[in-house]
Amino acid sequence: MNGHSGMPPATASTTLHGVFIEVLDLGVLLEGPAGIGKSALALELIDRGHRLIADDAPEFRCCSPATIVGNCPALLQDFVEVFGLGVLNIPAMFGPDAVKKNSRLRLIISLLESKEFSRDKEQPLKSPWEQRTVLGVVIPALRLPLLPGCNMAVMIESAVRNHKLHLAGYDAAEVFESRQRSSMGLKR
């Protein structure tokens, strides 16, 4: 018995389509349909001081029953292809600290066209967090609509900050709902 009960072996690996970037020290996979702007968003995040790990085809491997680490295939290392700009060398443009060799996958953000995004009208305060499984490890996930005029880099940073609060045990929606119930004299 290997103790992983249903877990892939520690050497299991997979390639996922998207941009893998470290935002506020958390490995985040930005995924979405081709042409939605993942690489351009990554470029904006890099410009804001975050670090690129891999564009287009990050490779992920299972390092332990609860840890997935992603890195960049050697051929793609340091490069991003941005629609309209072509292939860009990130360390040549932003310096060597703008890239990182690998990071633990901690969050998946799926970018969607706003028309593809639906909100629960019955429970507007319902938590937007979902879960995805990568190589047998559950990873928190979030679907984020691309809204015209919205600064998506700020949205990604805010999602990561909120996720970090979640990891620390704080849930803003829960606190807000509790405050609402209290103001109406209701109990949970």
C-alpha atoms as a PDB file:
ATOM      1  CA  MET A   1       0.000   0.000   0.000  1.00  0.00           C
ATOM      2  CA  ASN A   2       1.481   3.361  -1.002  1.00  0.00           C
ATOM      3  CA  GLY A   3      -0.598   5.510   1.373  1.00  0.00           C
ATOM      4  CA  HIS A   4      -1.921   7.702  -1.412  1.00  0.00           C
ATOM      5  CA  SER A   5      -5.311   5.947  -1.777  1.00  0.00           C
ATOM      6  CA  GLY A   6      -6.328   7.045  -5.239  1.00  0.00           C
ATOM      7  CA  MET A   7      -3.507   9.545  -5.560  1.00  0.00           C
ATOM      8  CA  PRO A   8      -1.265   9.384  -8.593  1.00  0.00           C
ATOM      9  CA  PRO A   9       2.356   8.499  -7.908  1.00  0.00           C
ATOM     10  CA  ALA A  10       4.588  11.413  -6.894  1.00  0.00           C
ATOM     11  CA  THR A  11       6.070  11.359 -10.391  1.00  0.00           C
ATOM     12  CA  ALA A  12       2.708  11.939 -12.135  1.00  0.00           C
ATOM     13  CA  SER A  13       2.632  14.998 -14.386  1.00  0.00           C
ATOM     14  CA  THR A  14       0.358  16.863 -16.769  1.00  0.00           C
ATOM     15  CA  THR A  15       0.418  19.911 -19.031  1.00  0.00           C
ATOM     16  CA  LEU A  16      -2.436  22.418 -18.756  1.00  0.00           C
ATOM     17  CA  HIS A  17      -3.293  25.216 -21.183  1.00  0.00           C
ATOM     18  CA  GLY A  18      -2.932  28.655 -19.637  1.00  0.00           C
ATOM     19  CA  VAL A  19      -0.473  31.041 -18.048  1.00  0.00           C
ATOM     20  CA  PHE A  20       1.129  30.069 -14.756  1.00  0.00           C
ATOM     21  CA  ILE A  21       2.178  33.116 -12.772  1.00  0.00           C
ATOM     22  CA  GLU A  22       3.128  33.812  -9.190  1.00  0.00           C
ATOM     23  CA  VAL A  23       0.903  36.562  -7.770  1.00  0.00           C
ATOM     24  CA  LEU A  24       1.600  37.774  -4.236  1.00  0.00           C
ATOM     25  CA  ASP A  25       3.706  34.634  -3.626  1.00  0.00           C
ATOM     26  CA  LEU A  26       0.912  32.255  -4.715  1.00  0.00           C
ATOM     27  CA  GLY A  27       1.091  30.123  -7.879  1.00  0.00           C
ATOM     28  CA  VAL A  28      -1.965  30.969 -10.009  1.00  0.00           C
ATOM     29  CA  LEU A  29      -3.004  29.291 -13.246  1.00  0.00           C
ATOM     30  CA  LEU A  30      -4.905  31.674 -15.530  1.00  0.00           C
ATOM     31  CA  GLU A  31      -6.966  29.618 -17.940  1.00  0.00           C
ATOM     32  CA  GLY A  32      -9.611  30.354 -20.527  1.00  0.00           C
ATOM     33  CA  PRO A  33     -10.350  30.018 -24.215  1.00  0.00           C
ATOM     34  CA  ALA A  34      -7.652  30.798 -26.768  1.00  0.00           C
ATOM     35  CA  GLY A  35      -7.511  34.506 -27.572  1.00  0.00           C
ATOM     36  CA  ILE A  36      -9.267  35.683 -24.398  1.00  0.00           C
ATOM     37  CA  GLY A  37      -6.194  37.642 -23.266  1.00  0.00           C
ATOM     38  CA  LYS A  38      -4.429  35.435 -20.725  1.00  0.00           C
ATOM     39  CA  SER A  39      -0.934  36.383 -21.896  1.00  0.00           C
ATOM     40  CA  ALA A  40      -1.752  40.102 -22.101  1.00  0.00           C
ATOM     41  CA  LEU A  41      -3.130  39.904 -18.546  1.00  0.00           C
ATOM     42  CA  ALA A  42       0.034  38.096 -17.443  1.00  0.00           C
ATOM     43  CA  LEU A  43       2.098  40.876 -19.035  1.00  0.00           C
ATOM     44  CA  GLU A  44       0.155  43.455 -17.031  1.00  0.00           C
ATOM     45  CA  LEU A  45       0.679  41.439 -13.832  1.00  0.00           C
ATOM     46  CA  ILE A  46       4.414  41.136 -14.565  1.00  0.00           C
ATOM     47  CA  ASP A  47       4.534  44.902 -15.051  1.00  0.00           C
ATOM     48  CA  ARG A  48       2.971  45.190 -11.568  1.00  0.00           C
ATOM     49  CA  GLY A  49       5.811  43.115 -10.054  1.00  0.00           C
ATOM     50  CA  HIS A  50       4.467  39.551 -10.225  1.00  0.00           C
ATOM     51  CA  ARG A  51       6.506  36.705 -11.736  1.00  0.00           C
ATOM     52  CA  LEU A  52       5.990  34.565 -14.827  1.00  0.00           C
ATOM     53  CA  ILE A  53       6.515  30.852 -14.538  1.00  0.00           C
ATOM     54  CA  ALA A  54       5.100  29.615 -17.864  1.00  0.00           C
ATOM     55  CA  ASP A  55       3.022  30.861 -20.764  1.00  0.00           C
ATOM     56  CA  ASP A  56       0.731  28.615 -22.791  1.00  0.00           C
ATOM     57  CA  ALA A  57       1.735  25.127 -21.610  1.00  0.00           C
ATOM     58  CA  PRO A  58       2.868  24.951 -17.977  1.00  0.00           C
ATOM     59  CA  GLU A  59       3.827  21.491 -16.782  1.00  0.00           C
ATOM     60  CA  PHE A  60       2.582  20.295 -13.402  1.00  0.00           C
ATOM     61  CA  ARG A  61       3.776  17.401 -11.299  1.00  0.00           C
ATOM     62  CA  CYS A  62       2.491  15.843  -8.113  1.00  0.00           C
ATOM     63  CA  CYS A  63       5.166  16.204  -5.404  1.00  0.00           C
ATOM     64  CA  SER A  64       3.121  14.906  -2.470  1.00  0.00           C
ATOM     65  CA  PRO A  65      -0.490  13.925  -1.767  1.00  0.00           C
ATOM     66  CA  ALA A  66      -1.369  17.615  -1.305  1.00  0.00           C
ATOM     67  CA  THR A  67       1.170  19.455  -3.471  1.00  0.00           C
ATOM     68  CA  ILE A  68       1.239  20.215  -7.189  1.00  0.00           C
ATOM     69  CA  VAL A  69       4.229  22.167  -8.513  1.00  0.00           C
ATOM     70  CA  GLY A  70       4.284  23.808 -11.932  1.00  0.00           C
ATOM     71  CA  ASN A  71       7.171  24.814 -14.125  1.00  0.00           C
ATOM     72  CA  CYS A  72       7.883  25.866 -17.685  1.00  0.00           C
ATOM     73  CA  PRO A  73       9.036  23.542 -20.473  1.00  0.00           C
ATOM     74  CA  ALA A  74      12.629  24.462 -21.420  1.00  0.00           C
ATOM     75  CA  LEU A  75      11.617  25.507 -24.951  1.00  0.00           C
ATOM     76  CA  LEU A  76       9.168  28.147 -23.646  1.00  0.00           C
ATOM     77  CA  GLN A  77      11.249  29.360 -20.672  1.00  0.00           C
ATOM     78  CA  ASP A  78      11.232  33.190 -20.275  1.00  0.00           C
ATOM     79  CA  PHE A  79       8.900  33.869 -23.220  1.00  0.00           C
ATOM     80  CA  VAL A  80       5.312  35.091 -23.552  1.00  0.00           C
ATOM     81  CA  GLU A  81       3.391  35.441 -26.783  1.00  0.00           C
ATOM     82  CA  VAL A  82       1.002  38.392 -26.649  1.00  0.00           C
ATOM     83  CA  PHE A  83      -1.539  38.994 -29.410  1.00  0.00           C
ATOM     84  CA  GLY A  84      -0.477  42.063 -31.389  1.00  0.00           C
ATOM     85  CA  LEU A  85       3.026  42.185 -29.866  1.00  0.00           C
ATOM     86  CA  GLY A  86       4.369  38.756 -30.785  1.00  0.00           C
ATOM     87  CA  VAL A  87       6.921  36.848 -28.707  1.00  0.00           C
ATOM     88  CA  LEU A  88       8.418  38.757 -25.770  1.00  0.00           C
ATOM     89  CA  ASN A  89      11.433  37.838 -23.642  1.00  0.00           C
ATOM     90  CA  ILE A  90      10.295  38.698 -20.110  1.00  0.00           C
ATOM     91  CA  PRO A  91      13.675  38.776 -18.279  1.00  0.00           C
ATOM     92  CA  ALA A  92      15.194  40.832 -21.127  1.00  0.00           C
ATOM     93  CA  MET A  93      12.354  43.366 -20.777  1.00  0.00           C
ATOM     94  CA  PHE A  94      11.676  43.350 -17.020  1.00  0.00           C
ATOM     95  CA  GLY A  95      14.830  41.864 -15.486  1.00  0.00           C
ATOM     96  CA  PRO A  96      15.662  38.414 -14.108  1.00  0.00           C
ATOM     97  CA  ASP A  97      13.340  38.750 -11.099  1.00  0.00           C
ATOM     98  CA  ALA A  98      10.291  38.871 -13.411  1.00  0.00           C
ATOM     99  CA  VAL A  99      10.460  35.094 -13.944  1.00  0.00           C
ATOM    100  CA  LYS A 100      10.558  32.146 -11.600  1.00  0.00           C
ATOM    101  CA  LYS A 101      11.485  28.520 -12.320  1.00  0.00           C
ATOM    102  CA  ASN A 102       8.535  26.925 -10.510  1.00  0.00           C
ATOM    103  CA  SER A 103       5.807  27.440  -7.938  1.00  0.00           C
ATOM    104  CA  ARG A 104       3.210  25.453  -6.057  1.00  0.00           C
ATOM    105  CA  LEU A 105      -0.207  25.574  -7.750  1.00  0.00           C
ATOM    106  CA  ARG A 106      -2.497  27.203  -5.191  1.00  0.00           C
ATOM    107  CA  LEU A 107      -5.313  28.711  -7.279  1.00  0.00           C
ATOM    108  CA  ILE A 108      -6.915  28.325 -10.712  1.00  0.00           C
ATOM    109  CA  ILE A 109      -8.695  31.322 -12.227  1.00  0.00           C
ATOM    110  CA  SER A 110     -10.823  30.652 -15.294  1.00  0.00           C
ATOM    111  CA  LEU A 111     -11.331  33.767 -17.418  1.00  0.00           C
ATOM    112  CA  LEU A 112     -14.697  33.900 -19.162  1.00  0.00           C
ATOM    113  CA  GLU A 113     -16.397  36.239 -21.586  1.00  0.00           C
ATOM    114  CA  SER A 114     -18.951  38.202 -19.555  1.00  0.00           C
ATOM    115  CA  LYS A 115     -21.819  36.701 -21.594  1.00  0.00           C
ATOM    116  CA  GLU A 116     -20.639  33.216 -20.524  1.00  0.00           C
ATOM    117  CA  PHE A 117     -20.696  34.125 -16.841  1.00  0.00           C
ATOM    118  CA  SER A 118     -23.844  33.597 -14.794  1.00  0.00           C
ATOM    119  CA  ARG A 119     -24.502  34.706 -11.245  1.00  0.00           C
ATOM    120  CA  ASP A 120     -26.772  32.927  -8.811  1.00  0.00           C
ATOM    121  CA  LYS A 121     -29.724  35.344  -8.583  1.00  0.00           C
ATOM    122  CA  GLU A 122     -31.278  33.339  -5.734  1.00  0.00           C
ATOM    123  CA  GLN A 123     -28.147  33.532  -3.575  1.00  0.00           C
ATOM    124  CA  PRO A 124     -26.166  36.605  -4.690  1.00  0.00           C
ATOM    125  CA  LEU A 125     -23.785  36.324  -1.714  1.00  0.00           C
ATOM    126  CA  LYS A 126     -23.032  32.670  -2.368  1.00  0.00           C
ATOM    127  CA  SER A 127     -19.309  31.966  -2.333  1.00  0.00           C
ATOM    128  CA  PRO A 128     -17.818  31.995  -5.835  1.00  0.00           C
ATOM    129  CA  TRP A 129     -15.153  29.456  -4.878  1.00  0.00           C
ATOM    130  CA  GLU A 130     -15.132  26.112  -6.613  1.00  0.00           C
ATOM    131  CA  GLN A 131     -12.738  23.186  -6.598  1.00  0.00           C
ATOM    132  CA  ARG A 132     -10.763  21.542  -9.367  1.00  0.00           C
ATOM    133  CA  THR A 133      -8.729  18.369  -9.210  1.00  0.00           C
ATOM    134  CA  VAL A 134      -5.268  18.316 -10.771  1.00  0.00           C
ATOM    135  CA  LEU A 135      -3.407  15.009 -10.580  1.00  0.00           C
ATOM    136  CA  GLY A 136      -5.666  13.930  -7.730  1.00  0.00           C
ATOM    137  CA  VAL A 137      -5.073  17.094  -5.669  1.00  0.00           C
ATOM    138  CA  VAL A 138      -7.972  19.464  -4.996  1.00  0.00           C
ATOM    139  CA  ILE A 139      -7.129  23.043  -5.994  1.00  0.00           C
ATOM    140  CA  PRO A 140      -9.366  26.064  -5.214  1.00  0.00           C
ATOM    141  CA  ALA A 141     -10.780  27.624  -8.361  1.00  0.00           C
ATOM    142  CA  LEU A 142     -12.639  30.761  -9.342  1.00  0.00           C
ATOM    143  CA  ARG A 143     -14.469  31.792 -12.508  1.00  0.00           C
ATOM    144  CA  LEU A 144     -13.900  35.457 -13.366  1.00  0.00           C
ATOM    145  CA  PRO A 145     -15.747  37.363 -16.097  1.00  0.00           C
ATOM    146  CA  LEU A 146     -13.863  39.769 -18.355  1.00  0.00           C
ATOM    147  CA  LEU A 147     -15.769  43.016 -17.973  1.00  0.00           C
ATOM    148  CA  PRO A 148     -15.314  45.987 -20.316  1.00  0.00           C
ATOM    149  CA  GLY A 149     -13.331  48.769 -18.658  1.00  0.00           C
ATOM    150  CA  CYS A 150     -12.405  46.569 -15.685  1.00  0.00           C
ATOM    151  CA  ASN A 151      -8.754  46.416 -14.606  1.00  0.00           C
ATOM    152  CA  MET A 152      -8.298  42.645 -14.688  1.00  0.00           C
ATOM    153  CA  ALA A 153      -4.867  42.766 -13.022  1.00  0.00           C
ATOM    154  CA  VAL A 154      -6.492  44.381  -9.976  1.00  0.00           C
ATOM    155  CA  MET A 155      -9.243  41.748 -10.109  1.00  0.00           C
ATOM    156  CA  ILE A 156      -6.646  38.935 -10.135  1.00  0.00           C
ATOM    157  CA  GLU A 157      -4.690  40.526  -7.284  1.00  0.00           C
ATOM    158  CA  SER A 158      -7.913  40.953  -5.298  1.00  0.00           C
ATOM    159  CA  ALA A 159      -8.902  37.332  -5.924  1.00  0.00           C
ATOM    160  CA  VAL A 160      -5.486  36.208  -4.654  1.00  0.00           C
ATOM    161  CA  ARG A 161      -5.695  38.492  -1.588  1.00  0.00           C
ATOM    162  CA  ASN A 162      -9.186  37.149  -0.838  1.00  0.00           C
ATOM    163  CA  HIS A 163      -7.933  33.578  -1.269  1.00  0.00           C
ATOM    164  CA  LYS A 164      -5.106  34.256   1.182  1.00  0.00           C
ATOM    165  CA  LEU A 165      -7.700  35.516   3.698  1.00  0.00           C
ATOM    166  CA  HIS A 166      -9.684  32.311   3.072  1.00  0.00           C
ATOM    167  CA  LEU A 167      -6.567  30.248   3.785  1.00  0.00           C
ATOM    168  CA  ALA A 168      -6.224  32.153   7.063  1.00  0.00           C
ATOM    169  CA  GLY A 169      -9.840  31.269   7.969  1.00  0.00           C
ATOM    170  CA  TYR A 170     -11.583  34.550   7.098  1.00  0.00           C
ATOM    171  CA  ASP A 171     -14.668  34.593   4.844  1.00  0.00           C
ATOM    172  CA  ALA A 172     -15.893  38.121   4.030  1.00  0.00           C
ATOM    173  CA  ALA A 173     -19.268  36.887   2.685  1.00  0.00           C
ATOM    174  CA  GLU A 174     -19.882  34.921   5.890  1.00  0.00           C
ATOM    175  CA  VAL A 175     -19.015  37.944   8.052  1.00  0.00           C
ATOM    176  CA  PHE A 176     -21.248  40.186   5.921  1.00  0.00           C
ATOM    177  CA  GLU A 177     -24.194  37.754   6.090  1.00  0.00           C
ATOM    178  CA  SER A 178     -23.764  37.459   9.858  1.00  0.00           C
ATOM    179  CA  ARG A 179     -23.794  41.243  10.158  1.00  0.00           C
ATOM    180  CA  GLN A 180     -26.971  41.414   8.040  1.00  0.00           C
ATOM    181  CA  ARG A 181     -28.727  38.772  10.149  1.00  0.00           C
ATOM    182  CA  SER A 182     -27.691  40.553  13.322  1.00  0.00           C
ATOM    183  CA  SER A 183     -29.017  43.911  12.090  1.00  0.00           C
ATOM    184  CA  MET A 184     -32.373  42.285  11.272  1.00  0.00           C
ATOM    185  CA  GLY A 185     -32.483  40.509  14.627  1.00  0.00           C
ATOM    186  CA  LEU A 186     -32.257  37.074  13.024  1.00  0.00           C
ATOM    187  CA  LYS A 187     -30.287  34.085  14.220  1.00  0.00           C
ATOM    188  CA  ARG A 188     -28.346  31.793  11.952  1.00  0.00           C
END
